[in-house]
């Protein structure tokens, strides 16, 4: 799955963060924290839940978690003061609050003139938009007419 927010894209299949198409280097735990918060953005994630998920039963200090959150914020152009992407909910945990667009990787052949055949197409849309894009692609490559 691809998640786009602002100028950033988080690809959970390749396990990488990109800004404007350029890879943002992150330590694995920082990327894991960012991914977990993003995938659970519909709720506040408690410190205990985050530690259990990312550190799998290891005992870590609050400082370790705080450092990881700070690094995740910095990676996406956020800060503890601004909190435009990751909010701290005092005494409750953290929440990913930036607006997110989902992208779905579709592996169907693409026209040679559009992008190289070995690259998959990424569609940033809702399911109806994806179905319409697939129908449009099929119509374009077969020479048929798209009826919408």
N, C-alpha and C. Protein backbone atom coordinates (compact mmCIF):
# COMPACT_ATOMS: atom_id res chain seq x y z
N UNK A 1 0.84 -1.18 0.00
CA UNK A 1 0.00 0.00 0.00
C UNK A 1 0.89 1.24 0.00
N UNK A 2 0.43 2.25 -0.65
CA UNK A 2 1.12 3.54 -0.67
C UNK A 2 0.23 4.55 0.05
N UNK A 3 0.84 5.31 0.93
CA UNK A 3 0.13 6.38 1.63
C UNK A 3 0.81 7.69 1.24
N UNK A 4 0.02 8.64 0.79
CA UNK A 4 0.58 9.94 0.42
C UNK A 4 0.03 11.00 1.36
N UNK A 5 0.91 11.82 1.90
CA UNK A 5 0.51 12.93 2.77
C UNK A 5 1.50 14.06 2.52
N UNK A 6 0.95 15.23 2.18
CA UNK A 6 1.80 16.35 1.81
C UNK A 6 2.68 15.97 0.64
N UNK A 7 3.98 16.19 0.78
CA UNK A 7 4.93 15.85 -0.29
C UNK A 7 5.57 14.48 -0.06
N UNK A 8 5.03 13.72 0.89
CA UNK A 8 5.61 12.43 1.27
C UNK A 8 4.78 11.26 0.78
N UNK A 9 5.46 10.15 0.52
CA UNK A 9 4.81 8.89 0.18
C UNK A 9 5.47 7.79 1.01
N UNK A 10 4.64 7.04 1.72
CA UNK A 10 5.13 5.89 2.47
C UNK A 10 4.68 4.63 1.74
N UNK A 11 5.63 3.84 1.32
CA UNK A 11 5.37 2.59 0.59
C UNK A 11 5.59 1.44 1.56
N UNK A 12 4.50 0.74 1.94
CA UNK A 12 4.62 -0.34 2.91
C UNK A 12 5.12 -1.63 2.28
N UNK A 13 5.09 -1.75 0.95
CA UNK A 13 5.62 -2.93 0.29
C UNK A 13 7.15 -2.87 0.18
N UNK A 14 7.66 -1.71 -0.17
CA UNK A 14 9.11 -1.53 -0.27
C UNK A 14 9.70 -1.05 1.06
N UNK A 15 8.83 -0.73 2.00
CA UNK A 15 9.21 -0.26 3.33
C UNK A 15 10.16 0.93 3.23
N UNK A 16 9.65 2.01 2.58
CA UNK A 16 10.44 3.22 2.46
C UNK A 16 9.56 4.45 2.43
N UNK A 17 10.17 5.55 2.86
CA UNK A 17 9.53 6.86 2.83
C UNK A 17 10.21 7.67 1.76
N UNK A 18 9.39 8.38 0.96
CA UNK A 18 9.93 9.26 -0.08
C UNK A 18 9.33 10.65 0.06
N UNK A 19 10.13 11.64 -0.26
CA UNK A 19 9.65 13.01 -0.33
C UNK A 19 9.94 13.52 -1.73
N UNK A 20 8.87 13.92 -2.41
CA UNK A 20 9.00 14.37 -3.80
C UNK A 20 9.78 13.36 -4.64
N UNK A 21 9.54 12.08 -4.41
CA UNK A 21 10.17 11.02 -5.18
C UNK A 21 11.55 10.60 -4.70
N UNK A 22 12.13 11.34 -3.78
CA UNK A 22 13.46 11.00 -3.26
C UNK A 22 13.35 10.24 -1.95
N UNK A 23 14.11 9.17 -1.83
CA UNK A 23 14.08 8.34 -0.64
C UNK A 23 14.58 9.11 0.57
N UNK A 24 13.84 9.00 1.68
CA UNK A 24 14.24 9.61 2.94
C UNK A 24 14.85 8.50 3.81
N UNK A 25 16.15 8.59 4.12
CA UNK A 25 16.76 7.52 4.92
C UNK A 25 16.24 7.56 6.36
N UNK A 26 15.82 6.40 6.86
CA UNK A 26 15.31 6.29 8.22
C UNK A 26 15.82 5.01 8.86
N UNK A 27 16.03 5.07 10.16
CA UNK A 27 16.34 3.84 10.90
C UNK A 27 15.10 2.95 10.88
N UNK A 28 15.28 1.64 10.88
CA UNK A 28 14.13 0.72 10.80
C UNK A 28 13.05 0.95 11.86
N UNK A 29 13.43 1.20 13.10
CA UNK A 29 12.43 1.41 14.15
C UNK A 29 11.64 2.69 13.92
N UNK A 30 12.29 3.72 13.43
CA UNK A 30 11.60 4.98 13.15
C UNK A 30 10.58 4.77 12.04
N UNK A 31 10.98 4.05 11.01
CA UNK A 31 10.05 3.76 9.91
C UNK A 31 8.89 2.88 10.40
N UNK A 32 9.19 1.94 11.27
CA UNK A 32 8.14 1.07 11.82
C UNK A 32 7.14 1.88 12.65
N UNK A 33 7.64 2.80 13.48
CA UNK A 33 6.77 3.67 14.27
C UNK A 33 5.90 4.52 13.35
N UNK A 34 6.50 5.13 12.36
CA UNK A 34 5.76 5.97 11.42
C UNK A 34 4.69 5.16 10.69
N UNK A 35 5.05 3.98 10.23
CA UNK A 35 4.10 3.10 9.52
C UNK A 35 2.95 2.69 10.43
N UNK A 36 3.27 2.31 11.65
CA UNK A 36 2.23 1.86 12.58
C UNK A 36 1.25 3.00 12.90
N UNK A 37 1.78 4.19 13.16
CA UNK A 37 0.90 5.34 13.44
C UNK A 37 0.04 5.67 12.22
N UNK A 38 0.62 5.61 11.05
CA UNK A 38 -0.11 5.91 9.82
C UNK A 38 -1.22 4.89 9.58
N UNK A 39 -0.91 3.61 9.75
CA UNK A 39 -1.90 2.56 9.52
C UNK A 39 -3.01 2.56 10.58
N UNK A 40 -2.76 3.18 11.72
CA UNK A 40 -3.75 3.25 12.80
C UNK A 40 -4.16 4.71 13.06
N UNK A 41 -4.19 5.50 12.00
CA UNK A 41 -4.47 6.93 12.12
C UNK A 41 -5.88 7.26 12.56
N UNK A 42 -6.77 6.29 12.54
CA UNK A 42 -8.16 6.52 12.95
C UNK A 42 -8.32 6.54 14.47
N UNK A 43 -7.24 6.33 15.21
CA UNK A 43 -7.33 6.30 16.67
C UNK A 43 -6.02 6.78 17.29
N UNK A 44 -6.08 7.10 18.56
CA UNK A 44 -4.87 7.42 19.32
C UNK A 44 -4.20 6.10 19.65
N UNK A 45 -2.91 6.01 19.40
CA UNK A 45 -2.14 4.80 19.71
C UNK A 45 -1.41 5.04 21.03
N UNK A 46 -1.68 4.20 22.00
CA UNK A 46 -1.04 4.36 23.31
C UNK A 46 0.45 4.04 23.22
N UNK A 47 1.20 4.57 24.18
CA UNK A 47 2.63 4.28 24.23
C UNK A 47 2.85 2.78 24.37
N UNK A 48 2.06 2.15 25.23
CA UNK A 48 2.20 0.71 25.46
C UNK A 48 1.95 -0.10 24.18
N UNK A 49 0.92 0.27 23.44
CA UNK A 49 0.60 -0.44 22.18
C UNK A 49 1.72 -0.24 21.16
N UNK A 50 2.25 0.97 21.09
CA UNK A 50 3.33 1.27 20.14
C UNK A 50 4.59 0.49 20.50
N UNK A 51 4.92 0.46 21.78
CA UNK A 51 6.09 -0.29 22.24
C UNK A 51 5.92 -1.78 21.98
N UNK A 52 4.73 -2.31 22.30
CA UNK A 52 4.47 -3.74 22.09
C UNK A 52 4.58 -4.11 20.61
N UNK A 53 4.09 -3.23 19.74
CA UNK A 53 4.10 -3.53 18.30
C UNK A 53 5.49 -3.39 17.69
N UNK A 54 6.19 -2.33 18.04
CA UNK A 54 7.47 -2.02 17.40
C UNK A 54 8.65 -2.72 18.06
N UNK A 55 8.62 -2.83 19.37
CA UNK A 55 9.75 -3.43 20.09
C UNK A 55 9.46 -4.86 20.57
N UNK A 56 8.32 -5.39 20.26
CA UNK A 56 7.95 -6.79 20.52
C UNK A 56 8.40 -7.34 21.87
N UNK A 57 7.89 -6.75 22.93
CA UNK A 57 8.15 -7.28 24.27
C UNK A 57 9.45 -6.84 24.89
N UNK A 58 10.27 -6.10 24.18
CA UNK A 58 11.51 -5.57 24.76
C UNK A 58 11.15 -4.46 25.73
N UNK A 59 11.96 -4.32 26.73
CA UNK A 59 11.77 -3.23 27.68
C UNK A 59 12.57 -2.02 27.18
N UNK A 60 11.87 -0.94 26.91
CA UNK A 60 12.56 0.28 26.46
C UNK A 60 12.13 1.45 27.34
N UNK A 61 12.92 2.47 27.34
CA UNK A 61 12.62 3.65 28.16
C UNK A 61 11.70 4.59 27.41
N UNK A 62 11.06 5.49 28.16
CA UNK A 62 10.25 6.53 27.54
C UNK A 62 11.12 7.41 26.63
N UNK A 63 12.38 7.58 27.01
CA UNK A 63 13.30 8.39 26.23
C UNK A 63 13.55 7.77 24.85
N UNK A 64 13.66 6.44 24.79
CA UNK A 64 13.85 5.75 23.52
C UNK A 64 12.66 5.99 22.60
N UNK A 65 11.46 5.84 23.15
CA UNK A 65 10.25 6.09 22.35
C UNK A 65 10.18 7.55 21.92
N UNK A 66 10.46 8.45 22.83
CA UNK A 66 10.43 9.88 22.52
C UNK A 66 11.43 10.23 21.41
N UNK A 67 12.61 9.66 21.47
CA UNK A 67 13.63 9.89 20.45
C UNK A 67 13.16 9.39 19.09
N UNK A 68 12.51 8.24 19.10
CA UNK A 68 12.00 7.65 17.86
C UNK A 68 10.87 8.52 17.27
N UNK A 69 9.97 9.00 18.11
CA UNK A 69 8.89 9.89 17.66
C UNK A 69 9.47 11.18 17.09
N UNK A 70 10.47 11.73 17.77
CA UNK A 70 11.13 12.95 17.30
C UNK A 70 11.75 12.73 15.93
N UNK A 71 12.41 11.59 15.74
CA UNK A 71 13.03 11.28 14.44
C UNK A 71 11.97 11.10 13.36
N UNK A 72 10.85 10.46 13.70
CA UNK A 72 9.76 10.28 12.72
C UNK A 72 9.18 11.64 12.33
N UNK A 73 8.98 12.50 13.31
CA UNK A 73 8.47 13.85 13.02
C UNK A 73 9.44 14.61 12.12
N UNK A 74 10.69 14.57 12.46
CA UNK A 74 11.70 15.28 11.67
C UNK A 74 11.72 14.77 10.23
N UNK A 75 11.58 13.47 10.06
CA UNK A 75 11.62 12.86 8.72
C UNK A 75 10.49 13.34 7.83
N UNK A 76 9.34 13.69 8.43
CA UNK A 76 8.19 14.15 7.64
C UNK A 76 7.95 15.66 7.77
N UNK A 77 9.00 16.38 8.17
CA UNK A 77 8.93 17.83 8.23
C UNK A 77 8.06 18.37 9.35
N UNK A 78 7.89 17.60 10.40
CA UNK A 78 7.06 17.99 11.53
C UNK A 78 7.96 18.24 12.74
N UNK A 79 7.36 18.76 13.80
CA UNK A 79 8.11 18.96 15.04
C UNK A 79 7.15 18.77 16.21
N UNK A 80 7.73 18.66 17.39
CA UNK A 80 6.91 18.53 18.59
C UNK A 80 6.09 19.77 18.86
N UNK A 81 6.56 20.89 18.35
CA UNK A 81 5.82 22.14 18.54
C UNK A 81 4.68 22.26 17.53
N UNK A 82 4.95 21.98 16.27
CA UNK A 82 3.92 22.12 15.21
C UNK A 82 2.89 21.00 15.27
N UNK A 83 3.35 19.76 15.35
CA UNK A 83 2.48 18.58 15.41
C UNK A 83 1.41 18.57 14.31
N UNK A 84 1.85 18.83 13.08
CA UNK A 84 0.94 18.82 11.93
C UNK A 84 0.76 17.42 11.34
N UNK A 85 1.68 16.51 11.66
CA UNK A 85 1.61 15.15 11.14
C UNK A 85 1.38 14.15 12.27
N UNK A 86 2.20 14.22 13.29
CA UNK A 86 2.07 13.33 14.45
C UNK A 86 1.77 14.18 15.68
N UNK A 87 0.62 13.95 16.26
CA UNK A 87 0.22 14.68 17.46
C UNK A 87 0.49 13.84 18.70
N UNK A 88 0.90 14.52 19.76
CA UNK A 88 0.99 13.88 21.07
C UNK A 88 -0.31 14.15 21.79
N UNK A 89 -0.96 13.12 22.24
CA UNK A 89 -2.15 13.25 23.06
C UNK A 89 -1.71 12.91 24.48
N UNK A 90 -1.41 13.94 25.26
CA UNK A 90 -0.84 13.76 26.59
C UNK A 90 -1.66 12.78 27.43
N UNK A 91 -0.93 11.87 28.05
CA UNK A 91 -1.49 10.81 28.90
C UNK A 91 -2.25 9.75 28.11
N UNK A 92 -2.25 9.86 26.77
CA UNK A 92 -2.97 8.88 25.96
C UNK A 92 -2.08 8.21 24.92
N UNK A 93 -1.23 8.97 24.25
CA UNK A 93 -0.37 8.39 23.22
C UNK A 93 -0.15 9.33 22.06
N UNK A 94 -0.15 8.76 20.85
CA UNK A 94 0.15 9.52 19.64
C UNK A 94 -0.89 9.24 18.58
N UNK A 95 -1.03 10.21 17.68
CA UNK A 95 -1.96 10.02 16.58
C UNK A 95 -1.41 10.68 15.32
N UNK A 96 -1.51 9.95 14.21
CA UNK A 96 -1.14 10.49 12.90
C UNK A 96 -2.32 11.31 12.41
N UNK A 97 -2.14 12.61 12.19
CA UNK A 97 -3.28 13.50 11.89
C UNK A 97 -3.25 14.15 10.51
N UNK A 98 -2.19 13.97 9.75
CA UNK A 98 -2.13 14.58 8.42
C UNK A 98 -3.14 13.91 7.49
N UNK A 99 -3.65 14.67 6.53
CA UNK A 99 -4.56 14.11 5.52
C UNK A 99 -3.80 13.11 4.67
N UNK A 100 -4.43 11.96 4.42
CA UNK A 100 -3.77 10.86 3.72
C UNK A 100 -4.58 10.45 2.50
N UNK A 101 -3.87 10.21 1.39
CA UNK A 101 -4.47 9.65 0.19
C UNK A 101 -3.88 8.26 0.01
N UNK A 102 -4.73 7.29 -0.22
CA UNK A 102 -4.26 5.93 -0.42
C UNK A 102 -3.94 5.69 -1.88
N UNK A 103 -2.89 4.97 -2.11
CA UNK A 103 -2.51 4.55 -3.45
C UNK A 103 -2.47 3.05 -3.49
N UNK A 104 -2.97 2.48 -4.55
CA UNK A 104 -2.98 1.03 -4.69
C UNK A 104 -2.12 0.67 -5.88
N UNK A 105 -1.21 -0.26 -5.67
CA UNK A 105 -0.31 -0.70 -6.73
C UNK A 105 -1.06 -1.69 -7.60
N UNK A 106 -1.16 -1.37 -8.87
CA UNK A 106 -1.84 -2.25 -9.82
C UNK A 106 -0.83 -2.76 -10.82
N UNK A 107 -0.78 -4.06 -11.00
CA UNK A 107 0.16 -4.66 -11.93
C UNK A 107 -0.57 -5.08 -13.20
N UNK A 108 -0.77 -4.14 -14.08
CA UNK A 108 -1.28 -4.49 -15.40
C UNK A 108 -0.34 -3.83 -16.40
N UNK A 109 -0.23 -4.36 -17.60
CA UNK A 109 0.71 -3.79 -18.57
C UNK A 109 0.37 -2.33 -18.86
N UNK A 110 1.38 -1.55 -19.03
CA UNK A 110 1.18 -0.13 -19.34
C UNK A 110 1.71 0.15 -20.74
N UNK A 111 1.17 1.16 -21.40
CA UNK A 111 1.69 1.51 -22.74
C UNK A 111 3.18 1.84 -22.67
N UNK A 112 3.94 1.40 -23.63
CA UNK A 112 5.39 1.61 -23.62
C UNK A 112 5.75 3.09 -23.57
N UNK A 113 4.90 3.93 -24.13
CA UNK A 113 5.21 5.36 -24.15
C UNK A 113 4.93 6.04 -22.82
N UNK A 114 4.11 5.42 -21.96
CA UNK A 114 3.76 6.05 -20.68
C UNK A 114 4.88 5.85 -19.67
N UNK A 115 5.13 4.63 -19.28
CA UNK A 115 6.20 4.30 -18.36
C UNK A 115 6.75 2.93 -18.75
N UNK A 116 7.98 2.62 -18.38
CA UNK A 116 8.54 1.33 -18.75
C UNK A 116 7.64 0.17 -18.29
N UNK A 117 7.59 -0.90 -19.08
CA UNK A 117 6.69 -2.01 -18.79
C UNK A 117 6.98 -2.67 -17.46
N UNK A 118 8.22 -2.65 -17.01
CA UNK A 118 8.55 -3.35 -15.77
C UNK A 118 8.09 -2.59 -14.53
N UNK A 119 7.66 -1.34 -14.68
CA UNK A 119 7.18 -0.58 -13.53
C UNK A 119 5.67 -0.73 -13.38
N UNK A 120 5.19 -0.96 -12.16
CA UNK A 120 3.75 -1.05 -11.95
C UNK A 120 3.12 0.34 -11.97
N UNK A 121 1.84 0.38 -12.20
CA UNK A 121 1.11 1.64 -12.17
C UNK A 121 0.62 1.87 -10.74
N UNK A 122 0.72 3.08 -10.25
CA UNK A 122 0.17 3.43 -8.94
C UNK A 122 -0.99 4.36 -9.18
N UNK A 123 -2.13 4.01 -8.63
CA UNK A 123 -3.33 4.80 -8.78
C UNK A 123 -3.66 5.45 -7.44
N UNK A 124 -3.78 6.78 -7.44
CA UNK A 124 -4.14 7.52 -6.23
C UNK A 124 -5.60 7.89 -6.34
N UNK A 125 -6.46 7.00 -5.89
CA UNK A 125 -7.89 7.26 -6.04
C UNK A 125 -8.68 6.31 -5.16
N UNK A 126 -9.97 6.55 -5.12
CA UNK A 126 -10.88 5.64 -4.44
C UNK A 126 -11.16 4.46 -5.36
N UNK A 127 -11.83 3.44 -4.86
CA UNK A 127 -12.11 2.25 -5.67
C UNK A 127 -12.85 2.58 -6.96
N UNK A 128 -13.91 3.42 -6.94
CA UNK A 128 -14.56 3.75 -8.23
C UNK A 128 -13.58 4.39 -9.23
N UNK A 129 -12.68 5.21 -8.72
CA UNK A 129 -11.68 5.84 -9.59
C UNK A 129 -10.73 4.82 -10.18
N UNK A 130 -10.37 3.82 -9.39
CA UNK A 130 -9.48 2.77 -9.87
C UNK A 130 -10.17 1.96 -10.96
N UNK A 131 -11.41 1.62 -10.75
CA UNK A 131 -12.14 0.85 -11.75
C UNK A 131 -12.28 1.64 -13.05
N UNK A 132 -12.53 2.94 -12.94
CA UNK A 132 -12.64 3.78 -14.12
C UNK A 132 -11.28 3.87 -14.83
N UNK A 133 -10.19 3.99 -14.06
CA UNK A 133 -8.85 4.05 -14.66
C UNK A 133 -8.54 2.76 -15.39
N UNK A 134 -8.88 1.63 -14.82
CA UNK A 134 -8.63 0.33 -15.46
C UNK A 134 -9.46 0.23 -16.74
N UNK A 135 -10.71 0.65 -16.69
CA UNK A 135 -11.56 0.62 -17.88
C UNK A 135 -11.00 1.53 -18.97
N UNK A 136 -10.50 2.70 -18.58
CA UNK A 136 -9.91 3.64 -19.53
C UNK A 136 -8.65 3.07 -20.15
N UNK A 137 -7.85 2.41 -19.35
CA UNK A 137 -6.64 1.78 -19.86
C UNK A 137 -7.00 0.70 -20.88
N UNK A 138 -7.94 -0.14 -20.52
CA UNK A 138 -8.37 -1.23 -21.41
C UNK A 138 -8.89 -0.67 -22.72
N UNK A 139 -9.71 0.38 -22.63
CA UNK A 139 -10.26 0.99 -23.85
C UNK A 139 -9.14 1.58 -24.71
N UNK A 140 -8.18 2.22 -24.08
CA UNK A 140 -7.08 2.85 -24.82
C UNK A 140 -6.19 1.84 -25.51
N UNK A 141 -5.95 0.72 -24.87
CA UNK A 141 -5.03 -0.27 -25.44
C UNK A 141 -5.71 -1.22 -26.43
N UNK A 142 -7.02 -1.30 -26.38
CA UNK A 142 -7.72 -2.19 -27.32
C UNK A 142 -8.37 -1.41 -28.46
N UNK A 143 -8.36 -0.08 -28.35
CA UNK A 143 -8.97 0.73 -29.39
C UNK A 143 -10.47 0.83 -29.28
N UNK A 144 -11.02 0.33 -28.18
CA UNK A 144 -12.47 0.40 -28.00
C UNK A 144 -12.85 1.73 -27.36
N UNK A 145 -14.13 1.96 -27.22
CA UNK A 145 -14.63 3.21 -26.66
C UNK A 145 -14.99 3.01 -25.20
N UNK A 146 -14.66 3.99 -24.38
CA UNK A 146 -14.98 3.93 -22.95
C UNK A 146 -16.37 4.50 -22.74
N UNK A 147 -17.27 3.71 -22.21
CA UNK A 147 -18.63 4.14 -21.90
C UNK A 147 -18.73 4.42 -20.40
N UNK A 148 -18.88 5.69 -20.02
CA UNK A 148 -18.98 6.02 -18.60
C UNK A 148 -20.37 6.44 -18.22
